[in-house]
Amino acid sequence: MQDIVGLLFKYIKLLQESGVCKWIFEE
């Protein structure tokens, strides 16, 4: 379970750095 949470945080960090979160929230 912890592994999944860790992957999620890493994925979110990558999205934020790429700026992809912006269009995800806009949708």
PDB file of N, CA and C in Angstrom:
ATOM      1  N   MET A   1       0.846  -1.205   0.000  1.00  0.00           N
ATOM      2  CA  MET A   1       0.000   0.000   0.000  1.00  0.00           C
ATOM      3  C   MET A   1       0.878   1.251   0.000  1.00  0.00           C
ATOM      4  N   GLN A   2       1.923   1.244   0.794  1.00  0.00           N
ATOM      5  CA  GLN A   2       2.804   2.416   0.857  1.00  0.00           C
ATOM      6  C   GLN A   2       3.456   2.674  -0.499  1.00  0.00           C
ATOM      7  N   ASP A   3       3.767   1.591  -1.201  1.00  0.00           N
ATOM      8  CA  ASP A   3       4.393   1.749  -2.521  1.00  0.00           C
ATOM      9  C   ASP A   3       3.473   2.529  -3.458  1.00  0.00           C
ATOM     10  N   ILE A   4       2.187   2.213  -3.409  1.00  0.00           N
ATOM     11  CA  ILE A   4       1.220   2.894  -4.285  1.00  0.00           C
ATOM     12  C   ILE A   4       1.172   4.378  -3.950  1.00  0.00           C
ATOM     13  N   VAL A   5       1.140   4.686  -2.663  1.00  0.00           N
ATOM     14  CA  VAL A   5       1.094   6.095  -2.232  1.00  0.00           C
ATOM     15  C   VAL A   5       2.354   6.810  -2.697  1.00  0.00           C
ATOM     16  N   GLY A   6       3.483   6.156  -2.569  1.00  0.00           N
ATOM     17  CA  GLY A   6       4.748   6.759  -2.992  1.00  0.00           C
ATOM     18  C   GLY A   6       4.739   7.049  -4.483  1.00  0.00           C
ATOM     19  N   LEU A   7       4.246   6.088  -5.266  1.00  0.00           N
ATOM     20  CA  LEU A   7       4.173   6.284  -6.717  1.00  0.00           C
ATOM     21  C   LEU A   7       3.243   7.441  -7.054  1.00  0.00           C
ATOM     22  N   LEU A   8       2.134   7.536  -6.325  1.00  0.00           N
ATOM     23  CA  LEU A   8       1.172   8.621  -6.570  1.00  0.00           C
ATOM     24  C   LEU A   8       1.840   9.967  -6.350  1.00  0.00           C
ATOM     25  N   PHE A   9       2.571  10.092  -5.232  1.00  0.00           N
ATOM     26  CA  PHE A   9       3.229  11.363  -4.926  1.00  0.00           C
ATOM     27  C   PHE A   9       4.263  11.699  -5.995  1.00  0.00           C
ATOM     28  N   LYS A  10       5.003  10.686  -6.437  1.00  0.00           N
ATOM     29  CA  LYS A  10       6.010  10.916  -7.488  1.00  0.00           C
ATOM     30  C   LYS A  10       5.323  11.362  -8.772  1.00  0.00           C
ATOM     31  N   TYR A  11       4.202  10.709  -9.098  1.00  0.00           N
ATOM     32  CA  TYR A  11       3.460  11.038 -10.319  1.00  0.00           C
ATOM     33  C   TYR A  11       2.928  12.461 -10.251  1.00  0.00           C
ATOM     34  N   ILE A  12       2.364  12.827  -9.087  1.00  0.00           N
ATOM     35  CA  ILE A  12       1.823  14.185  -8.904  1.00  0.00           C
ATOM     36  C   ILE A  12       2.943  15.206  -9.036  1.00  0.00           C
ATOM     37  N   LYS A  13       4.095  14.890  -8.452  1.00  0.00           N
ATOM     38  CA  LYS A  13       5.232  15.828  -8.524  1.00  0.00           C
ATOM     39  C   LYS A  13       5.629  16.043  -9.975  1.00  0.00           C
ATOM     40  N   LEU A  14       5.692  14.961 -10.739  1.00  0.00           N
ATOM     41  CA  LEU A  14       6.066  15.067 -12.155  1.00  0.00           C
ATOM     42  C   LEU A  14       5.043  15.908 -12.910  1.00  0.00           C
ATOM     43  N   LEU A  15       3.765  15.689 -12.605  1.00  0.00           N
ATOM     44  CA  LEU A  15       2.709  16.456 -13.278  1.00  0.00           C
ATOM     45  C   LEU A  15       2.848  17.938 -12.957  1.00  0.00           C
ATOM     46  N   GLN A  16       3.076  18.246 -11.682  1.00  0.00           N
ATOM     47  CA  GLN A  16       3.198  19.654 -11.278  1.00  0.00           C
ATOM     48  C   GLN A  16       4.390  20.297 -11.981  1.00  0.00           C
ATOM     49  N   GLU A  17       5.515  19.577 -12.041  1.00  0.00           N
ATOM     50  CA  GLU A  17       6.711  20.124 -12.688  1.00  0.00           C
ATOM     51  C   GLU A  17       6.462  20.343 -14.175  1.00  0.00           C
ATOM     52  N   SER A  18       5.693  19.460 -14.779  1.00  0.00           N
ATOM     53  CA  SER A  18       5.412  19.572 -16.215  1.00  0.00           C
ATOM     54  C   SER A  18       4.312  20.593 -16.478  1.00  0.00           C
ATOM     55  N   GLY A  19       3.582  20.956 -15.421  1.00  0.00           N
ATOM     56  CA  GLY A  19       2.505  21.929 -15.588  1.00  0.00           C
ATOM     57  C   GLY A  19       1.252  21.283 -16.159  1.00  0.00           C
ATOM     58  N   VAL A  20       1.215  19.950 -16.155  1.00  0.00           N
ATOM     59  CA  VAL A  20       0.055  19.243 -16.697  1.00  0.00           C
ATOM     60  C   VAL A  20      -1.145  19.405 -15.769  1.00  0.00           C
ATOM     61  N   CYS A  21      -0.878  19.577 -14.465  1.00  0.00           N
ATOM     62  CA  CYS A  21      -1.963  19.726 -13.485  1.00  0.00           C
ATOM     63  C   CYS A  21      -2.885  20.872 -13.884  1.00  0.00           C
ATOM     64  N   LYS A  22      -2.333  21.883 -14.521  1.00  0.00           N
ATOM     65  CA  LYS A  22      -3.127  23.062 -14.879  1.00  0.00           C
ATOM     66  C   LYS A  22      -4.314  22.666 -15.755  1.00  0.00           C
ATOM     67  N   TRP A  23      -4.057  21.976 -16.862  1.00  0.00           N
ATOM     68  CA  TRP A  23      -5.168  21.641 -17.764  1.00  0.00           C
ATOM     69  C   TRP A  23      -6.025  20.520 -17.188  1.00  0.00           C
ATOM     70  N   ILE A  24      -5.493  19.757 -16.254  1.00  0.00           N
ATOM     71  CA  ILE A  24      -6.300  18.692 -15.635  1.00  0.00           C
ATOM     72  C   ILE A  24      -7.381  19.324 -14.770  1.00  0.00           C
ATOM     73  N   PHE A  25      -7.001  20.355 -14.005  1.00  0.00           N
ATOM     74  CA  PHE A  25      -7.962  21.022 -13.130  1.00  0.00           C
ATOM     75  C   PHE A  25      -8.915  21.900 -13.935  1.00  0.00           C
ATOM     76  N   GLU A  26      -8.442  22.402 -15.061  1.00  0.00           N
ATOM     77  CA  GLU A  26      -9.282  23.278 -15.886  1.00  0.00           C
ATOM     78  C   GLU A  26     -10.414  22.496 -16.534  1.00  0.00           C
ATOM     79  N   GLU A  27     -10.190  21.200 -16.759  1.00  0.00           N
ATOM     80  CA  GLU A  27     -11.180  20.407 -17.473  1.00  0.00           C
ATOM     81  C   GLU A  27     -12.437  20.188 -16.673  1.00  0.00           C
TER      82      GLU A  27
END
